[in-house]
Structures are given as structure tokens and as C-alpha cells.
């Protein structure tokens, strides 16, 4: 007995796996509206499993911020979903799994080290540098990157513009302020 294509698609669509996929897509579609534009740039829904939403964050600071607002976010999300989720877990560990570093001013942060280029088998073998040479090369890169950075008004260290824009001081000084 042959069944129509619509009947087959409908049967597949009602499978639990696809229901979860549809719910996850609903979450992705409304995520920016629920958390706001600033948070949406620093986060993204990563996966949904057993009524737990896993969210990738760009840093542990964003994970903590969102964890403190989890109930509010959960309430707003569940108001938009056909099947409610139970909780949300935030982690920076998932941030780099699915996408490369976002092209923002923060991707220019001096602590980000260039990734080594992958060489083809036709390239001549490259001699491994000694630990001392590797450190000197790294230090030279860091120094070159931080030469044109503005200075933190508190400690006068070179600071990425994104940190000054966000906290008005460097990340270390901001952390000290939060602790004290």
C-alpha cells in the first residue's frame, strides 16, 4: 500500500525527535527577544535535552549573569513555548564548538594568540622552537598587539577598547572592584 508523501512527512513530524528539534528552533528564534540584544550577542542556545536548555556563553561572566537571571529568562521562554523547559544551564565551554570567534572588537583582544597555520605535506618540515624562543615570539606578539591600545584609567595598563567600553576600566580592575 502506497501512502502519500504528506502522510509520511506528517508521521515523521510527529516523532519525538522532531518535536524536540522544533522546540529548539522555537527557542533559537525567540532567544534575542527574551534575553535582549546585548546578551544575545554573547550567548546562543546550544542544545535541548530532557527539558534542559544548554546555552553557550562567550565567557564565565556571561554565564554567571544569566544564571542569576535564570528564573526570569525561563519564565519568558516558557510563555512562548508549547512544551515548557525545566531549567537552563549556561557554560562558556560550548561557545567555540559550533562557530569560530565572532568578528567583533573583542576578537582583537591581545590575549588571543594566533592559531598556527596547517601546513600541507608538500611544505618542508618546520623546526620546533625551543621553549625560550617560543616564549620570546609570544611576548613580542603580545607587545606588538598592545602598543596601540588605550590605557586603563586606574592601573594604566594597555586595555582592549571593549573592556573600557563595558566597565570603564580593564578587566582586572573591574574584577577587583566587584570583589571589594
N, C-alpha and C. Protein backbone atom coordinates (compact mmCIF):
# COMPACT_ATOMS: atom_id res chain seq x y z
N UNK A 1 0.84 -1.17 0.00
CA UNK A 1 0.00 0.00 0.00
C UNK A 1 0.90 1.25 0.00
N UNK A 2 0.70 2.11 -0.93
CA UNK A 2 1.47 3.33 -1.02
C UNK A 2 0.77 4.44 -0.25
N UNK A 3 1.56 5.22 0.47
CA UNK A 3 1.00 6.34 1.22
C UNK A 3 1.47 7.63 0.59
N UNK A 4 0.68 8.65 0.74
CA UNK A 4 1.05 9.93 0.16
C UNK A 4 2.26 10.51 0.89
N UNK A 5 2.99 11.34 0.18
CA UNK A 5 4.17 11.99 0.76
C UNK A 5 3.78 12.83 1.97
N UNK A 6 2.64 13.53 1.91
CA UNK A 6 2.16 14.33 3.04
C UNK A 6 1.94 13.47 4.27
N UNK A 7 1.40 12.27 4.09
CA UNK A 7 1.14 11.36 5.21
C UNK A 7 2.46 10.93 5.86
N UNK A 8 3.46 10.65 5.03
CA UNK A 8 4.78 10.23 5.54
C UNK A 8 5.45 11.38 6.29
N UNK A 9 5.41 12.57 5.70
CA UNK A 9 6.01 13.73 6.35
C UNK A 9 5.32 14.02 7.67
N UNK A 10 4.01 13.90 7.70
CA UNK A 10 3.26 14.14 8.94
C UNK A 10 3.65 13.12 10.01
N UNK A 11 3.81 11.86 9.62
CA UNK A 11 4.21 10.82 10.57
C UNK A 11 5.61 11.11 11.12
N UNK A 12 6.52 11.51 10.25
CA UNK A 12 7.87 11.86 10.71
C UNK A 12 7.84 13.08 11.63
N UNK A 13 7.03 14.04 11.25
CA UNK A 13 6.94 15.29 12.00
C UNK A 13 6.44 15.07 13.43
N UNK A 14 5.68 14.01 13.64
CA UNK A 14 5.13 13.73 14.97
C UNK A 14 6.05 12.87 15.83
N UNK A 15 7.20 12.49 15.32
CA UNK A 15 8.15 11.71 16.10
C UNK A 15 8.74 12.58 17.20
N UNK A 16 9.03 12.01 18.38
CA UNK A 16 9.58 12.80 19.50
C UNK A 16 10.85 13.57 19.14
N UNK A 17 11.73 12.97 18.35
CA UNK A 17 12.97 13.65 17.99
C UNK A 17 12.67 14.97 17.28
N UNK A 18 11.76 14.94 16.32
CA UNK A 18 11.44 16.14 15.56
C UNK A 18 10.72 17.17 16.40
N UNK A 19 9.92 16.69 17.36
CA UNK A 19 9.26 17.62 18.28
C UNK A 19 10.30 18.41 19.06
N UNK A 20 11.34 17.73 19.53
CA UNK A 20 12.42 18.39 20.26
C UNK A 20 13.16 19.38 19.38
N UNK A 21 13.37 18.99 18.12
CA UNK A 21 14.05 19.88 17.18
C UNK A 21 13.23 21.14 16.92
N UNK A 22 11.91 20.96 16.79
CA UNK A 22 11.04 22.12 16.56
C UNK A 22 11.05 23.05 17.78
N UNK A 23 11.03 22.46 18.98
CA UNK A 23 11.06 23.27 20.19
C UNK A 23 12.38 24.03 20.29
N UNK A 24 13.48 23.37 19.96
CA UNK A 24 14.78 24.03 20.00
C UNK A 24 14.82 25.18 18.99
N UNK A 25 14.25 24.98 17.82
CA UNK A 25 14.20 26.05 16.82
C UNK A 25 13.35 27.22 17.32
N UNK A 26 12.25 26.93 18.01
CA UNK A 26 11.43 27.99 18.61
C UNK A 26 12.27 28.81 19.59
N UNK A 27 13.05 28.11 20.41
CA UNK A 27 13.90 28.79 21.39
C UNK A 27 14.92 29.68 20.67
N UNK A 28 15.55 29.14 19.65
CA UNK A 28 16.55 29.93 18.91
C UNK A 28 15.91 31.16 18.27
N UNK A 29 14.68 31.01 17.77
CA UNK A 29 14.00 32.12 17.10
C UNK A 29 13.65 33.25 18.05
N UNK A 30 13.31 32.92 19.30
CA UNK A 30 12.88 33.97 20.24
C UNK A 30 13.96 34.35 21.26
N UNK A 31 15.14 33.73 21.19
CA UNK A 31 16.18 33.94 22.19
C UNK A 31 16.54 35.42 22.37
N UNK A 32 16.80 36.12 21.27
CA UNK A 32 17.21 37.53 21.37
C UNK A 32 16.12 38.39 21.99
N UNK A 33 14.86 38.09 21.69
CA UNK A 33 13.76 38.85 22.28
C UNK A 33 13.67 38.61 23.79
N UNK A 34 13.95 37.39 24.21
CA UNK A 34 13.82 37.04 25.63
C UNK A 34 14.98 37.62 26.45
N UNK A 35 16.21 37.47 25.97
CA UNK A 35 17.36 37.90 26.78
C UNK A 35 17.83 39.31 26.47
N UNK A 36 17.43 39.87 25.35
CA UNK A 36 17.87 41.21 24.97
C UNK A 36 19.05 41.14 24.01
N UNK A 37 19.25 42.22 23.26
CA UNK A 37 20.25 42.25 22.20
C UNK A 37 21.68 42.08 22.74
N UNK A 38 22.02 42.75 23.85
CA UNK A 38 23.39 42.66 24.39
C UNK A 38 23.73 41.23 24.81
N UNK A 39 22.81 40.61 25.53
CA UNK A 39 23.05 39.23 25.98
C UNK A 39 23.03 38.26 24.80
N UNK A 40 22.19 38.51 23.83
CA UNK A 40 22.09 37.61 22.67
C UNK A 40 23.39 37.58 21.88
N UNK A 41 24.13 38.69 21.87
CA UNK A 41 25.41 38.72 21.15
C UNK A 41 26.46 37.87 21.87
N UNK A 42 26.29 37.67 23.16
CA UNK A 42 27.28 36.94 23.96
C UNK A 42 26.84 35.53 24.30
N UNK A 43 25.68 35.12 23.80
CA UNK A 43 25.14 33.80 24.12
C UNK A 43 24.46 33.20 22.90
N UNK A 44 24.23 31.88 22.95
CA UNK A 44 23.39 31.23 21.96
C UNK A 44 22.94 29.89 22.51
N UNK A 45 21.68 29.53 22.27
CA UNK A 45 21.23 28.20 22.67
C UNK A 45 22.08 27.14 21.99
N UNK A 46 22.56 26.19 22.77
CA UNK A 46 23.46 25.16 22.25
C UNK A 46 22.72 23.85 21.97
N UNK A 47 21.90 23.41 22.93
CA UNK A 47 21.17 22.16 22.74
C UNK A 47 20.02 22.09 23.74
N UNK A 48 19.14 21.14 23.50
CA UNK A 48 17.99 20.91 24.37
C UNK A 48 17.91 19.42 24.60
N UNK A 49 17.93 19.00 25.86
CA UNK A 49 17.89 17.58 26.19
C UNK A 49 17.13 17.37 27.49
N UNK A 50 16.11 16.53 27.43
CA UNK A 50 15.32 16.18 28.62
C UNK A 50 14.82 17.41 29.36
N UNK A 51 14.27 18.34 28.63
CA UNK A 51 13.70 19.59 29.17
C UNK A 51 14.73 20.51 29.82
N UNK A 52 15.98 20.32 29.49
CA UNK A 52 17.04 21.21 29.97
C UNK A 52 17.64 21.91 28.75
N UNK A 53 17.64 23.23 28.79
CA UNK A 53 18.24 24.02 27.71
C UNK A 53 19.68 24.33 28.09
N UNK A 54 20.60 24.00 27.20
CA UNK A 54 22.01 24.29 27.39
C UNK A 54 22.35 25.49 26.52
N UNK A 55 22.95 26.51 27.14
CA UNK A 55 23.25 27.75 26.45
C UNK A 55 24.75 28.02 26.50
N UNK A 56 25.33 28.28 25.33
CA UNK A 56 26.74 28.63 25.24
C UNK A 56 26.89 30.12 25.51
N UNK A 57 27.90 30.48 26.29
CA UNK A 57 28.17 31.89 26.59
C UNK A 57 29.61 32.21 26.20
N UNK A 58 29.86 33.46 25.88
CA UNK A 58 31.19 33.84 25.43
C UNK A 58 32.21 33.88 26.58
N UNK A 59 31.74 33.94 27.82
CA UNK A 59 32.66 33.94 28.96
C UNK A 59 31.93 33.49 30.21
N UNK A 60 32.69 33.20 31.25
CA UNK A 60 32.08 32.78 32.52
C UNK A 60 31.32 33.93 33.17
N UNK A 61 31.71 35.16 32.87
CA UNK A 61 30.99 36.32 33.40
C UNK A 61 29.56 36.32 32.88
N UNK A 62 29.39 36.05 31.58
CA UNK A 62 28.04 35.98 31.00
C UNK A 62 27.27 34.79 31.56
N UNK A 63 27.95 33.67 31.80
CA UNK A 63 27.28 32.51 32.40
C UNK A 63 26.72 32.87 33.76
N UNK A 64 27.51 33.57 34.56
CA UNK A 64 27.07 33.95 35.89
C UNK A 64 25.92 34.96 35.82
N UNK A 65 26.04 35.94 34.95
CA UNK A 65 24.99 36.94 34.80
C UNK A 65 23.66 36.28 34.43
N UNK A 66 23.70 35.38 33.47
CA UNK A 66 22.47 34.73 33.04
C UNK A 66 21.95 33.75 34.09
N UNK A 67 22.85 33.09 34.80
CA UNK A 67 22.42 32.17 35.86
C UNK A 67 21.65 32.93 36.95
N UNK A 68 22.10 34.14 37.24
CA UNK A 68 21.40 34.95 38.25
C UNK A 68 20.01 35.38 37.77
N UNK A 69 19.81 35.43 36.46
CA UNK A 69 18.53 35.83 35.88
C UNK A 69 17.79 34.64 35.27
N UNK A 70 18.17 33.44 35.63
CA UNK A 70 17.64 32.23 35.01
C UNK A 70 16.12 32.11 35.16
N UNK A 71 15.60 32.37 36.33
CA UNK A 71 14.15 32.22 36.55
C UNK A 71 13.35 33.14 35.64
N UNK A 72 13.79 34.37 35.52
CA UNK A 72 13.10 35.33 34.66
C UNK A 72 13.16 34.89 33.20
N UNK A 73 14.34 34.46 32.76
CA UNK A 73 14.51 34.00 31.38
C UNK A 73 13.65 32.77 31.13
N UNK A 74 13.66 31.84 32.06
CA UNK A 74 12.88 30.62 31.94
C UNK A 74 11.39 30.92 31.85
N UNK A 75 10.93 31.84 32.66
CA UNK A 75 9.51 32.22 32.64
C UNK A 75 9.12 32.82 31.29
N UNK A 76 9.97 33.72 30.77
CA UNK A 76 9.68 34.33 29.48
C UNK A 76 9.74 33.31 28.34
N UNK A 77 10.71 32.40 28.39
CA UNK A 77 10.80 31.37 27.35
C UNK A 77 9.59 30.45 27.37
N UNK A 78 9.24 29.97 28.55
CA UNK A 78 8.12 29.03 28.66
C UNK A 78 6.80 29.65 28.22
N UNK A 79 6.68 30.97 28.35
CA UNK A 79 5.46 31.65 27.89
C UNK A 79 5.34 31.56 26.36
N UNK A 80 6.45 31.34 25.67
CA UNK A 80 6.46 31.30 24.20
C UNK A 80 6.49 29.88 23.64
N UNK A 81 6.69 28.88 24.49
CA UNK A 81 6.86 27.51 24.03
C UNK A 81 5.60 26.68 24.26
N UNK A 82 5.39 25.71 23.39
CA UNK A 82 4.24 24.81 23.56
C UNK A 82 4.51 23.80 24.67
N UNK A 83 5.76 23.35 24.82
CA UNK A 83 6.15 22.43 25.88
C UNK A 83 7.20 23.15 26.74
N UNK A 84 6.93 23.35 28.03
CA UNK A 84 7.87 24.12 28.86
C UNK A 84 9.17 23.36 29.10
N UNK A 85 10.24 24.13 29.31
CA UNK A 85 11.51 23.54 29.71
C UNK A 85 11.65 23.71 31.22
N UNK A 86 12.44 22.84 31.84
CA UNK A 86 12.54 22.84 33.30
C UNK A 86 13.61 23.80 33.82
N UNK A 87 14.74 23.82 33.15
CA UNK A 87 15.83 24.66 33.62
C UNK A 87 16.76 25.01 32.46
N UNK A 88 17.69 25.93 32.75
CA UNK A 88 18.67 26.34 31.76
C UNK A 88 20.05 26.24 32.40
N UNK A 89 20.99 25.71 31.65
CA UNK A 89 22.38 25.63 32.12
C UNK A 89 23.25 26.42 31.16
N UNK A 90 24.09 27.29 31.73
CA UNK A 90 24.94 28.17 30.94
C UNK A 90 26.40 27.75 31.09
N UNK A 91 27.14 27.75 29.98
CA UNK A 91 28.55 27.38 30.05
C UNK A 91 29.33 28.02 28.90
N UNK A 92 30.51 28.57 29.20
CA UNK A 92 31.37 29.08 28.13
C UNK A 92 32.07 27.95 27.37
N UNK A 93 32.02 26.73 27.91
CA UNK A 93 32.69 25.61 27.27
C UNK A 93 32.14 25.25 25.91
N UNK A 94 30.89 25.58 25.65
CA UNK A 94 30.26 25.24 24.36
C UNK A 94 30.42 26.35 23.33
N UNK A 95 30.96 27.49 23.72
CA UNK A 95 30.98 28.67 22.84
C UNK A 95 31.73 28.42 21.53
N UNK A 96 32.88 27.76 21.59
CA UNK A 96 33.70 27.59 20.39
C UNK A 96 33.45 26.28 19.66
N UNK A 97 32.50 25.48 20.11
CA UNK A 97 32.26 24.20 19.46
C UNK A 97 31.62 24.32 18.09
N UNK A 98 30.71 25.27 17.92
CA UNK A 98 29.95 25.33 16.68
C UNK A 98 30.32 26.48 15.77
N UNK A 99 30.94 27.50 16.30
CA UNK A 99 31.26 28.65 15.45
C UNK A 99 32.64 29.16 15.78
N UNK A 100 33.20 29.84 14.83
CA UNK A 100 34.50 30.43 15.07
C UNK A 100 34.31 31.72 15.85
N UNK A 101 35.39 32.30 16.26
CA UNK A 101 35.35 33.52 17.04
C UNK A 101 34.58 34.61 16.31
N UNK A 102 33.58 35.22 16.96
CA UNK A 102 32.82 36.27 16.29
C UNK A 102 33.72 37.45 15.94
N UNK A 103 33.46 38.06 14.82
CA UNK A 103 34.27 39.19 14.38
C UNK A 103 33.78 40.46 15.04
N UNK A 104 34.24 40.71 16.25
CA UNK A 104 33.90 41.91 16.99
C UNK A 104 35.19 42.56 17.43
N UNK A 105 35.06 43.74 18.04
CA UNK A 105 36.28 44.38 18.52
C UNK A 105 36.93 43.56 19.60
N UNK A 106 36.16 42.70 20.30
CA UNK A 106 36.75 41.88 21.35
C UNK A 106 37.61 40.77 20.78
N UNK A 107 37.39 40.40 19.50
CA UNK A 107 38.24 39.37 18.91
C UNK A 107 39.65 39.90 18.68
N UNK A 108 39.85 41.19 18.89
CA UNK A 108 41.16 41.79 18.76
C UNK A 108 41.90 41.80 20.11
N UNK A 109 41.36 41.14 21.11
CA UNK A 109 41.92 41.15 22.45
C UNK A 109 43.36 40.65 22.40
N UNK A 110 44.27 41.32 23.07
CA UNK A 110 45.69 40.95 22.99
C UNK A 110 45.99 39.57 23.55
N UNK A 111 45.12 38.99 24.35
CA UNK A 111 45.42 37.68 24.90
C UNK A 111 45.12 36.56 23.91
N UNK A 112 44.44 36.89 22.80
CA UNK A 112 44.17 35.86 21.81
C UNK A 112 45.42 35.65 20.96
N UNK A 113 45.90 34.43 20.96
CA UNK A 113 47.12 34.11 20.25
C UNK A 113 46.75 33.56 18.88
N UNK A 114 47.49 33.93 17.85
CA UNK A 114 47.23 33.41 16.51
C UNK A 114 47.32 31.89 16.52
N UNK A 115 46.40 31.28 15.78
CA UNK A 115 46.43 29.83 15.65
C UNK A 115 47.50 29.48 14.62
N UNK A 116 48.24 28.41 14.84
CA UNK A 116 49.25 28.03 13.86
C UNK A 116 48.59 27.60 12.56
N UNK A 117 49.22 27.94 11.46
CA UNK A 117 48.68 27.55 10.17
C UNK A 117 48.95 26.07 9.95
N UNK A 118 47.99 25.40 9.30
CA UNK A 118 48.16 23.99 8.99
C UNK A 118 48.98 23.91 7.71
N UNK A 119 50.05 23.15 7.76
CA UNK A 119 50.91 23.04 6.58
C UNK A 119 50.54 21.79 5.80
N UNK A 120 50.74 21.85 4.52
CA UNK A 120 50.48 20.67 3.69
C UNK A 120 51.70 19.77 3.73
N UNK A 121 51.52 18.54 3.26
CA UNK A 121 52.63 17.59 3.28
C UNK A 121 53.74 18.00 2.31
N UNK A 122 53.42 18.88 1.35
CA UNK A 122 54.42 19.33 0.39
C UNK A 122 55.36 20.37 1.00
N UNK A 123 54.95 21.02 2.09
CA UNK A 123 55.79 22.03 2.73
C UNK A 123 56.97 21.36 3.41
N UNK A 124 58.12 22.03 3.42
CA UNK A 124 59.27 21.46 4.13
C UNK A 124 58.99 21.43 5.63
N UNK A 125 59.52 20.48 6.36
CA UNK A 125 59.27 20.41 7.80
C UNK A 125 59.80 21.66 8.51
N UNK A 126 59.04 22.12 9.47
CA UNK A 126 59.41 23.31 10.23
C UNK A 126 60.04 22.86 11.54
N UNK A 127 61.17 23.44 11.86
CA UNK A 127 61.87 23.08 13.09
C UNK A 127 61.11 23.65 14.29
N UNK A 128 60.92 22.84 15.33
CA UNK A 128 60.23 23.27 16.53
C UNK A 128 61.10 24.24 17.30
N UNK A 129 60.53 25.39 17.72
CA UNK A 129 61.33 26.34 18.51
C UNK A 129 61.55 25.82 19.93
N UNK A 130 62.58 26.30 20.55
CA UNK A 130 62.83 25.95 21.95
C UNK A 130 61.79 26.68 22.81
N UNK A 131 61.58 26.25 24.04
CA UNK A 131 60.64 26.96 24.89
C UNK A 131 60.99 28.44 25.04
N UNK A 132 62.27 28.75 25.15
CA UNK A 132 62.71 30.15 25.29
C UNK A 132 62.34 30.96 24.05
N UNK A 133 62.61 30.40 22.87
CA UNK A 133 62.30 31.08 21.62
C UNK A 133 60.79 31.25 21.45
N UNK A 134 60.04 30.21 21.79
CA UNK A 134 58.58 30.28 21.68
C UNK A 134 58.03 31.38 22.60
N UNK A 135 58.55 31.46 23.81
CA UNK A 135 58.11 32.50 24.74
C UNK A 135 58.45 33.88 24.20
N UNK A 136 59.65 34.05 23.69
CA UNK A 136 60.06 35.35 23.15
C UNK A 136 59.18 35.77 21.98
N UNK A 137 58.85 34.81 21.11
CA UNK A 137 57.97 35.12 19.97
C UNK A 137 56.58 35.53 20.47
N UNK A 138 56.07 34.78 21.45
CA UNK A 138 54.74 35.09 22.02
C UNK A 138 54.77 36.47 22.67
N UNK A 139 55.80 36.77 23.46
CA UNK A 139 55.90 38.05 24.14
C UNK A 139 55.98 39.20 23.14
N UNK A 140 56.70 38.99 22.05
CA UNK A 140 56.80 40.03 21.01
C UNK A 140 55.44 40.29 20.36
N UNK A 141 54.67 39.22 20.11
CA UNK A 141 53.33 39.38 19.53
C UNK A 141 52.43 40.15 20.49
N UNK A 142 52.44 39.79 21.75
CA UNK A 142 51.60 40.45 22.75
C UNK A 142 51.98 41.93 22.85
N UNK A 143 53.26 42.20 22.88
CA UNK A 143 53.72 43.59 22.97
C UNK A 143 53.29 44.39 21.75
N UNK A 144 53.42 43.80 20.56
CA UNK A 144 53.02 44.49 19.33
C UNK A 144 51.52 44.76 19.31
N UNK A 145 50.73 43.80 19.77
CA UNK A 145 49.28 43.96 19.77
C UNK A 145 48.81 45.02 20.76
N UNK A 146 49.52 45.15 21.87
CA UNK A 146 49.06 46.07 22.92
C UNK A 146 49.63 47.48 22.78
N UNK A 147 50.51 47.71 21.82
CA UNK A 147 51.14 49.03 21.66
C UNK A 147 50.12 50.14 21.43
N UNK A 148 49.11 49.89 20.62
CA UNK A 148 48.16 50.94 20.25
C UNK A 148 46.87 50.91 21.06
N UNK A 149 46.84 50.09 22.10
CA UNK A 149 45.63 50.01 22.93
C UNK A 149 45.56 51.19 23.89
N UNK A 150 44.35 51.67 24.20
CA UNK A 150 44.22 52.73 25.20
C UNK A 150 44.60 52.19 26.58
N UNK A 151 44.94 53.08 27.48
CA UNK A 151 45.34 52.68 28.83
C UNK A 151 44.16 52.70 29.78
N UNK A 152 44.17 51.77 30.71
CA UNK A 152 43.17 51.73 31.78
C UNK A 152 43.37 52.97 32.65
N UNK A 153 42.30 53.72 32.94
CA UNK A 153 42.46 54.92 33.74
C UNK A 153 42.88 54.64 35.19
N UNK A 154 42.70 53.40 35.64
CA UNK A 154 43.03 53.08 37.02
C UNK A 154 44.46 52.55 37.17
N UNK A 155 44.85 51.54 36.37
CA UNK A 155 46.18 50.94 36.54
C UNK A 155 47.15 51.31 35.41
N UNK A 156 46.65 51.99 34.39
CA UNK A 156 47.46 52.47 33.27
C UNK A 156 48.08 51.35 32.44
N UNK A 157 47.43 50.19 32.39
CA UNK A 157 47.87 49.09 31.54
C UNK A 157 47.13 49.15 30.21
N UNK A 158 47.73 48.67 29.12
CA UNK A 158 47.02 48.62 27.84
C UNK A 158 45.76 47.77 27.99
N UNK A 159 44.65 48.28 27.48
CA UNK A 159 43.35 47.64 27.68
C UNK A 159 42.56 47.61 26.38
N UNK A 160 41.94 46.47 26.05
CA UNK A 160 41.10 46.42 24.85
C UNK A 160 39.95 47.42 24.96
N UNK A 161 39.61 48.08 23.86
CA UNK A 161 38.52 49.07 23.88
C UNK A 161 37.20 48.50 24.38
N UNK A 162 36.96 47.21 24.09
CA UNK A 162 35.72 46.59 24.54
C UNK A 162 35.59 46.57 26.05
N UNK A 163 36.69 46.32 26.75
CA UNK A 163 36.66 46.32 28.21
C UNK A 163 36.42 47.73 28.75
N UNK A 164 37.07 48.72 28.15
CA UNK A 164 36.87 50.10 28.61
C UNK A 164 35.43 50.54 28.34
N UNK A 165 34.89 50.13 27.21
CA UNK A 165 33.51 50.48 26.87
C UNK A 165 32.53 49.84 27.85
N UNK A 166 32.79 48.58 28.22
CA UNK A 166 31.88 47.84 29.09
C UNK A 166 32.01 48.27 30.55
N UNK A 167 33.26 48.37 31.06
CA UNK A 167 33.45 48.58 32.50
C UNK A 167 34.14 49.90 32.84
N UNK A 168 34.63 50.64 31.87
CA UNK A 168 35.35 51.89 32.04
C UNK A 168 36.73 51.70 32.67
N UNK A 169 37.13 50.45 32.88
CA UNK A 169 38.46 50.08 33.36
C UNK A 169 38.83 48.74 32.72
N UNK A 170 40.05 48.27 32.93
CA UNK A 170 40.44 46.97 32.39
C UNK A 170 39.72 45.85 33.16
N UNK A 171 39.77 44.65 32.61
CA UNK A 171 39.10 43.51 33.23
C UNK A 171 39.61 43.21 34.63
N UNK A 172 40.92 43.34 34.85
CA UNK A 172 41.48 43.07 36.19
C UNK A 172 40.98 44.09 37.22
N UNK A 173 40.97 45.37 36.83
CA UNK A 173 40.49 46.40 37.75
C UNK A 173 39.00 46.24 38.01
N UNK A 174 38.24 45.84 36.99
CA UNK A 174 36.80 45.61 37.17
C UNK A 174 36.57 44.47 38.15
N UNK A 175 37.37 43.40 38.02
CA UNK A 175 37.24 42.27 38.94
C UNK A 175 37.55 42.69 40.37
N UNK A 176 38.58 43.50 40.54
CA UNK A 176 38.93 43.98 41.89
C UNK A 176 37.80 44.82 42.48
N UNK A 177 37.16 45.64 41.64
CA UNK A 177 36.03 46.46 42.11
C UNK A 177 34.87 45.58 42.54
N UNK A 178 34.58 44.52 41.79
CA UNK A 178 33.47 43.64 42.12
C UNK A 178 33.73 42.87 43.41
N UNK A 179 34.99 42.52 43.66
CA UNK A 179 35.33 41.77 44.85
C UNK A 179 35.34 42.65 46.10
N UNK A 180 35.63 43.93 45.93
CA UNK A 180 35.76 44.82 47.08
C UNK A 180 34.62 45.70 47.20
